[in-house]
Amino acid sequence: MSRIHVIQPKDAQGRLKEIYVEIEQKRGQLAEVHKIQSLRPESIVKHMDLYMEIMFSRSELSRAQREMIAVVVSVANQCSYCATHHGNALLHYWKDPDTLELLKTNFHSLGLSDKEIGLCEFAKTLTLHPEINLHEDITQKLKSLNFSDSAILDATLVVSYFNFVNRMVLTLGVALETDGGKNYNY
């Protein structure tokens, strides 16, 4: 249950109502993470713009790799809302719920490629220990796996974005939708 007032779609007016309608048309449904920002409607728009840029723009990282990073970050932060939503998105690529569960519990046991393991380790380390960068350059592991600087930036953006969203969700008490976050266009 949210910890702040949320304007529901039936009560939305003006710009907020326009934003809600646009999201429902583009994404199929309005997620709780959007509604939690209802007191600042333009933040919803900027949030969606940032999300689309980070998760859908051209990148050396595949969409599946970006969703995998999202799940690893969200699990590290104990954010079940985002881990569920982006786990559902990852299932569009992986097609196997058991593999997804292993990603959440022990990604080293999955038989992922060295590059994917590197991305998972980078995501988890940067999430749980961002201060490590004061003592060592954690991008070096990704460089040794032949990730370009552009790909490293993209991975860092995904990790950073999900740390931002996880903190918003956890702090403001965003609850998972009744459909379990399954009916969204990812």
C-alpha atoms as a PDB file:
ATOM      1  CA  MET A   1       0.000   0.000   0.000  1.00  0.00           C
ATOM      2  CA  SER A   2       1.411   3.354  -0.991  1.00  0.00           C
ATOM      3  CA  ARG A   3       2.735   5.646   1.714  1.00  0.00           C
ATOM      4  CA  ILE A   4       1.711   8.838  -0.085  1.00  0.00           C
ATOM      5  CA  HIS A   5      -1.477  10.020  -1.743  1.00  0.00           C
ATOM      6  CA  VAL A   6      -1.955   8.616  -5.245  1.00  0.00           C
ATOM      7  CA  ILE A   7      -4.414  10.040  -7.746  1.00  0.00           C
ATOM      8  CA  GLN A   8      -6.188   7.142  -9.377  1.00  0.00           C
ATOM      9  CA  PRO A   9      -7.150   7.236 -13.075  1.00  0.00           C
ATOM     10  CA  LYS A  10     -10.860   7.747 -12.320  1.00  0.00           C
ATOM     11  CA  ASP A  11      -9.991  10.893 -10.335  1.00  0.00           C
ATOM     12  CA  ALA A  12      -7.318  12.257 -12.671  1.00  0.00           C
ATOM     13  CA  GLN A  13      -7.893  15.569 -14.377  1.00  0.00           C
ATOM     14  CA  GLY A  14      -6.101  17.819 -16.828  1.00  0.00           C
ATOM     15  CA  ARG A  15      -2.519  16.965 -17.674  1.00  0.00           C
ATOM     16  CA  LEU A  16      -2.422  13.934 -15.350  1.00  0.00           C
ATOM     17  CA  LYS A  17      -5.435  12.417 -17.090  1.00  0.00           C
ATOM     18  CA  GLU A  18      -3.773  13.003 -20.498  1.00  0.00           C
ATOM     19  CA  ILE A  19      -0.605  11.289 -19.285  1.00  0.00           C
ATOM     20  CA  TYR A  20      -2.512   8.328 -17.859  1.00  0.00           C
ATOM     21  CA  VAL A  21      -4.467   7.853 -21.106  1.00  0.00           C
ATOM     22  CA  GLU A  22      -1.291   8.084 -23.207  1.00  0.00           C
ATOM     23  CA  ILE A  23       0.510   5.483 -21.086  1.00  0.00           C
ATOM     24  CA  GLU A  24      -2.459   3.116 -21.218  1.00  0.00           C
ATOM     25  CA  GLN A  25      -2.581   3.461 -24.998  1.00  0.00           C
ATOM     26  CA  LYS A  26       1.164   2.896 -25.469  1.00  0.00           C
ATOM     27  CA  ARG A  27       1.828   0.313 -22.772  1.00  0.00           C
ATOM     28  CA  GLY A  28      -1.506  -1.457 -22.454  1.00  0.00           C
ATOM     29  CA  GLN A  29      -1.944  -0.688 -18.781  1.00  0.00           C
ATOM     30  CA  LEU A  30      -1.015   1.874 -16.158  1.00  0.00           C
ATOM     31  CA  ALA A  31       1.510   0.483 -13.690  1.00  0.00           C
ATOM     32  CA  GLU A  32       1.608   1.366 -10.011  1.00  0.00           C
ATOM     33  CA  VAL A  33       5.107   2.803 -10.471  1.00  0.00           C
ATOM     34  CA  HIS A  34       3.557   5.418 -12.772  1.00  0.00           C
ATOM     35  CA  LYS A  35       0.660   6.214 -10.468  1.00  0.00           C
ATOM     36  CA  ILE A  36       2.959   6.735  -7.467  1.00  0.00           C
ATOM     37  CA  GLN A  37       4.219   9.862  -9.248  1.00  0.00           C
ATOM     38  CA  SER A  38       0.713  11.261  -9.798  1.00  0.00           C
ATOM     39  CA  LEU A  39       1.336  14.314  -7.621  1.00  0.00           C
ATOM     40  CA  ARG A  40       4.026  15.369 -10.128  1.00  0.00           C
ATOM     41  CA  PRO A  41       2.589  14.420 -13.532  1.00  0.00           C
ATOM     42  CA  GLU A  42       5.514  15.669 -15.599  1.00  0.00           C
ATOM     43  CA  SER A  43       7.852  13.430 -13.592  1.00  0.00           C
ATOM     44  CA  ILE A  44       5.933  10.488 -15.050  1.00  0.00           C
ATOM     45  CA  VAL A  45       6.666  11.724 -18.570  1.00  0.00           C
ATOM     46  CA  LYS A  46      10.352  12.345 -17.853  1.00  0.00           C
ATOM     47  CA  HIS A  47      10.601   8.991 -16.091  1.00  0.00           C
ATOM     48  CA  MET A  48       9.129   7.189 -19.104  1.00  0.00           C
ATOM     49  CA  ASP A  49      11.436   9.073 -21.479  1.00  0.00           C
ATOM     50  CA  LEU A  50      14.458   8.013 -19.427  1.00  0.00           C
ATOM     51  CA  TYR A  51      13.224   4.417 -19.219  1.00  0.00           C
ATOM     52  CA  MET A  52      12.668   4.209 -22.966  1.00  0.00           C
ATOM     53  CA  GLU A  53      16.101   5.687 -23.716  1.00  0.00           C
ATOM     54  CA  ILE A  54      17.948   3.355 -21.363  1.00  0.00           C
ATOM     55  CA  MET A  55      16.033   0.156 -22.050  1.00  0.00           C
ATOM     56  CA  PHE A  56      15.012   0.434 -25.707  1.00  0.00           C
ATOM     57  CA  SER A  57      17.555   2.596 -27.542  1.00  0.00           C
ATOM     58  CA  ARG A  58      20.239   1.111 -29.792  1.00  0.00           C
ATOM     59  CA  SER A  59      22.911  -0.538 -27.742  1.00  0.00           C
ATOM     60  CA  GLU A  60      25.522  -3.250 -27.920  1.00  0.00           C
ATOM     61  CA  LEU A  61      23.628  -4.709 -24.975  1.00  0.00           C
ATOM     62  CA  SER A  62      20.626  -6.731 -26.026  1.00  0.00           C
ATOM     63  CA  ARG A  63      17.196  -6.077 -24.566  1.00  0.00           C
ATOM     64  CA  ALA A  64      17.483  -9.399 -22.739  1.00  0.00           C
ATOM     65  CA  GLN A  65      20.820  -8.360 -21.226  1.00  0.00           C
ATOM     66  CA  ARG A  66      19.331  -5.071 -20.045  1.00  0.00           C
ATOM     67  CA  GLU A  67      16.345  -6.873 -18.497  1.00  0.00           C
ATOM     68  CA  MET A  68      18.746  -9.352 -16.889  1.00  0.00           C
ATOM     69  CA  ILE A  69      20.647  -6.438 -15.318  1.00  0.00           C
ATOM     70  CA  ALA A  70      17.342  -4.938 -14.134  1.00  0.00           C
ATOM     71  CA  VAL A  71      16.447  -8.183 -12.374  1.00  0.00           C
ATOM     72  CA  VAL A  72      19.888  -8.550 -10.745  1.00  0.00           C
ATOM     73  CA  VAL A  73      19.783  -4.968  -9.425  1.00  0.00           C
ATOM     74  CA  SER A  74      16.218  -5.329  -8.173  1.00  0.00           C
ATOM     75  CA  VAL A  75      16.950  -8.621  -6.427  1.00  0.00           C
ATOM     76  CA  ALA A  76      20.053  -7.110  -4.796  1.00  0.00           C
ATOM     77  CA  ASN A  77      17.887  -4.252  -3.521  1.00  0.00           C
ATOM     78  CA  GLN A  78      15.123  -6.664  -2.447  1.00  0.00           C
ATOM     79  CA  CYS A  79      12.679  -4.820  -4.691  1.00  0.00           C
ATOM     80  CA  SER A  80      10.198  -7.546  -5.578  1.00  0.00           C
ATOM     81  CA  TYR A  81       8.054  -5.117  -7.599  1.00  0.00           C
ATOM     82  CA  CYS A  82      10.789  -4.380 -10.153  1.00  0.00           C
ATOM     83  CA  ALA A  83      12.252  -7.904 -10.002  1.00  0.00           C
ATOM     84  CA  THR A  84       8.797  -9.257 -10.869  1.00  0.00           C
ATOM     85  CA  HIS A  85       8.052  -6.753 -13.641  1.00  0.00           C
ATOM     86  CA  HIS A  86      11.428  -7.073 -15.300  1.00  0.00           C
ATOM     87  CA  GLY A  87      11.559 -10.795 -14.688  1.00  0.00           C
ATOM     88  CA  ASN A  88       8.319 -10.993 -16.679  1.00  0.00           C
ATOM     89  CA  ALA A  89       9.965  -8.916 -19.412  1.00  0.00           C
ATOM     90  CA  LEU A  90      13.019 -11.192 -19.392  1.00  0.00           C
ATOM     91  CA  LEU A  91      10.775 -14.232 -19.793  1.00  0.00           C
ATOM     92  CA  HIS A  92       9.818 -12.888 -23.232  1.00  0.00           C
ATOM     93  CA  TYR A  93      13.434 -13.694 -24.207  1.00  0.00           C
ATOM     94  CA  TRP A  94      14.409 -16.572 -21.942  1.00  0.00           C
ATOM     95  CA  LYS A  95      11.048 -18.411 -22.019  1.00  0.00           C
ATOM     96  CA  ASP A  96      11.920 -20.441 -18.915  1.00  0.00           C
ATOM     97  CA  PRO A  97      10.639 -19.516 -15.431  1.00  0.00           C
ATOM     98  CA  ASP A  98      13.128 -21.918 -13.793  1.00  0.00           C
ATOM     99  CA  THR A  99      16.049 -20.122 -15.429  1.00  0.00           C
ATOM    100  CA  LEU A 100      14.647 -16.799 -14.242  1.00  0.00           C
ATOM    101  CA  GLU A 101      14.414 -18.103 -10.680  1.00  0.00           C
ATOM    102  CA  LEU A 102      18.050 -19.217 -10.844  1.00  0.00           C
ATOM    103  CA  LEU A 103      19.018 -15.726 -12.014  1.00  0.00           C
ATOM    104  CA  LYS A 104      17.374 -14.371  -8.885  1.00  0.00           C
ATOM    105  CA  THR A 105      19.064 -16.825  -6.523  1.00  0.00           C
ATOM    106  CA  ASN A 106      22.418 -17.788  -8.063  1.00  0.00           C
ATOM    107  CA  PHE A 107      23.242 -16.399 -11.494  1.00  0.00           C
ATOM    108  CA  HIS A 108      26.627 -18.163 -11.444  1.00  0.00           C
ATOM    109  CA  SER A 109      24.842 -21.533 -11.686  1.00  0.00           C
ATOM    110  CA  LEU A 110      22.956 -20.677 -14.895  1.00  0.00           C
ATOM    111  CA  GLY A 111      25.583 -21.451 -17.480  1.00  0.00           C
ATOM    112  CA  LEU A 112      25.464 -17.875 -18.761  1.00  0.00           C
ATOM    113  CA  SER A 113      28.205 -16.638 -21.062  1.00  0.00           C
ATOM    114  CA  ASP A 114      31.254 -14.991 -19.494  1.00  0.00           C
ATOM    115  CA  LYS A 115      29.965 -11.651 -20.781  1.00  0.00           C
ATOM    116  CA  GLU A 116      26.553 -12.136 -19.144  1.00  0.00           C
ATOM    117  CA  ILE A 117      28.144 -13.256 -15.859  1.00  0.00           C
ATOM    118  CA  GLY A 118      30.322 -10.142 -16.047  1.00  0.00           C
ATOM    119  CA  LEU A 119      27.252  -7.946 -16.492  1.00  0.00           C
ATOM    120  CA  CYS A 120      25.515  -9.631 -13.549  1.00  0.00           C
ATOM    121  CA  GLU A 121      28.551  -9.243 -11.302  1.00  0.00           C
ATOM    122  CA  PHE A 122      28.951  -5.614 -12.362  1.00  0.00           C
ATOM    123  CA  ALA A 123      25.264  -4.906 -11.645  1.00  0.00           C
ATOM    124  CA  LYS A 124      25.308  -6.564  -8.243  1.00  0.00           C
ATOM    125  CA  THR A 125      28.598  -4.977  -7.171  1.00  0.00           C
ATOM    126  CA  LEU A 126      27.661  -1.485  -8.324  1.00  0.00           C
ATOM    127  CA  THR A 127      24.300  -1.811  -6.552  1.00  0.00           C
ATOM    128  CA  LEU A 128      25.541  -3.160  -3.232  1.00  0.00           C
ATOM    129  CA  HIS A 129      28.966  -1.493  -3.093  1.00  0.00           C
ATOM    130  CA  PRO A 130      29.117   1.664  -5.213  1.00  0.00           C
ATOM    131  CA  GLU A 131      31.962   2.898  -3.035  1.00  0.00           C
ATOM    132  CA  ILE A 132      34.211   0.141  -4.417  1.00  0.00           C
ATOM    133  CA  ASN A 133      34.896   2.485  -7.321  1.00  0.00           C
ATOM    134  CA  LEU A 134      36.926   4.644  -4.931  1.00  0.00           C
ATOM    135  CA  HIS A 135      39.430   1.790  -4.591  1.00  0.00           C
ATOM    136  CA  GLU A 136      39.263  -0.135  -7.850  1.00  0.00           C
ATOM    137  CA  ASP A 137      37.930   0.297 -11.358  1.00  0.00           C
ATOM    138  CA  ILE A 138      35.127  -2.239 -11.726  1.00  0.00           C
ATOM    139  CA  THR A 139      34.760  -1.355 -15.398  1.00  0.00           C
ATOM    140  CA  GLN A 140      38.052  -3.175 -16.074  1.00  0.00           C
ATOM    141  CA  LYS A 141      36.354  -6.579 -15.808  1.00  0.00           C
ATOM    142  CA  LEU A 142      33.862  -5.555 -18.485  1.00  0.00           C
ATOM    143  CA  LYS A 143      36.665  -4.187 -20.660  1.00  0.00           C
ATOM    144  CA  SER A 144      38.524  -7.499 -20.312  1.00  0.00           C
ATOM    145  CA  LEU A 145      35.367  -9.198 -21.631  1.00  0.00           C
ATOM    146  CA  ASN A 146      35.522  -6.947 -24.714  1.00  0.00           C
ATOM    147  CA  PHE A 147      32.689  -4.632 -23.795  1.00  0.00           C
ATOM    148  CA  SER A 148      33.170  -1.247 -25.433  1.00  0.00           C
ATOM    149  CA  ASP A 149      33.043   1.988 -23.471  1.00  0.00           C
ATOM    150  CA  SER A 150      29.587   2.576 -24.961  1.00  0.00           C
ATOM    151  CA  ALA A 151      28.353  -0.795 -23.699  1.00  0.00           C
ATOM    152  CA  ILE A 152      29.852  -0.103 -20.259  1.00  0.00           C
ATOM    153  CA  LEU A 153      28.027   3.228 -20.179  1.00  0.00           C
ATOM    154  CA  ASP A 154      24.792   1.473 -21.151  1.00  0.00           C
ATOM    155  CA  ALA A 155      25.253  -1.141 -18.420  1.00  0.00           C
ATOM    156  CA  THR A 156      25.971   1.606 -15.879  1.00  0.00           C
ATOM    157  CA  LEU A 157      22.865   3.508 -16.980  1.00  0.00           C
ATOM    158  CA  VAL A 158      20.685   0.407 -16.539  1.00  0.00           C
ATOM    159  CA  VAL A 159      22.147  -0.274 -13.085  1.00  0.00           C
ATOM    160  CA  SER A 160      21.761   3.362 -12.048  1.00  0.00           C
ATOM    161  CA  TYR A 161      18.231   3.646 -13.390  1.00  0.00           C
ATOM    162  CA  PHE A 162      17.031   0.571 -11.519  1.00  0.00           C
ATOM    163  CA  ASN A 163      18.667   1.679  -8.293  1.00  0.00           C
ATOM    164  CA  PHE A 164      16.711   4.946  -8.679  1.00  0.00           C
ATOM    165  CA  VAL A 165      13.411   3.208  -9.381  1.00  0.00           C
ATOM    166  CA  ASN A 166      13.936   0.542  -6.696  1.00  0.00           C
ATOM    167  CA  ARG A 167      14.432   3.234  -4.098  1.00  0.00           C
ATOM    168  CA  MET A 168      11.294   5.082  -5.195  1.00  0.00           C
ATOM    169  CA  VAL A 169       9.245   1.870  -5.146  1.00  0.00           C
ATOM    170  CA  LEU A 170      10.570   0.695  -1.783  1.00  0.00           C
ATOM    171  CA  THR A 171      10.376   4.090  -0.081  1.00  0.00           C
ATOM    172  CA  LEU A 172       6.883   4.984  -1.265  1.00  0.00           C
ATOM    173  CA  GLY A 173       5.387   1.506  -0.841  1.00  0.00           C
ATOM    174  CA  VAL A 174       4.497   0.656  -4.440  1.00  0.00           C
ATOM    175  CA  ALA A 175       2.548  -2.603  -4.449  1.00  0.00           C
ATOM    176  CA  LEU A 176       2.537  -5.110  -7.270  1.00  0.00           C
ATOM    177  CA  GLU A 177      -0.519  -4.951  -9.506  1.00  0.00           C
ATOM    178  CA  THR A 178      -3.192  -7.584  -9.023  1.00  0.00           C
ATOM    179  CA  ASP A 179      -2.182  -9.239 -12.317  1.00  0.00           C
ATOM    180  CA  GLY A 180       1.330  -9.794 -10.964  1.00  0.00           C
ATOM    181  CA  GLY A 181       2.806  -7.334 -13.454  1.00  0.00           C
ATOM    182  CA  LYS A 182       2.202  -9.703 -16.359  1.00  0.00           C
ATOM    183  CA  ASN A 183       0.030  -7.647 -18.691  1.00  0.00           C
ATOM    184  CA  TYR A 184       2.420  -4.914 -19.759  1.00  0.00           C
ATOM    185  CA  ASN A 185       4.122  -4.140 -23.022  1.00  0.00           C
ATOM    186  CA  TYR A 186       7.810  -4.283 -22.114  1.00  0.00           C
END
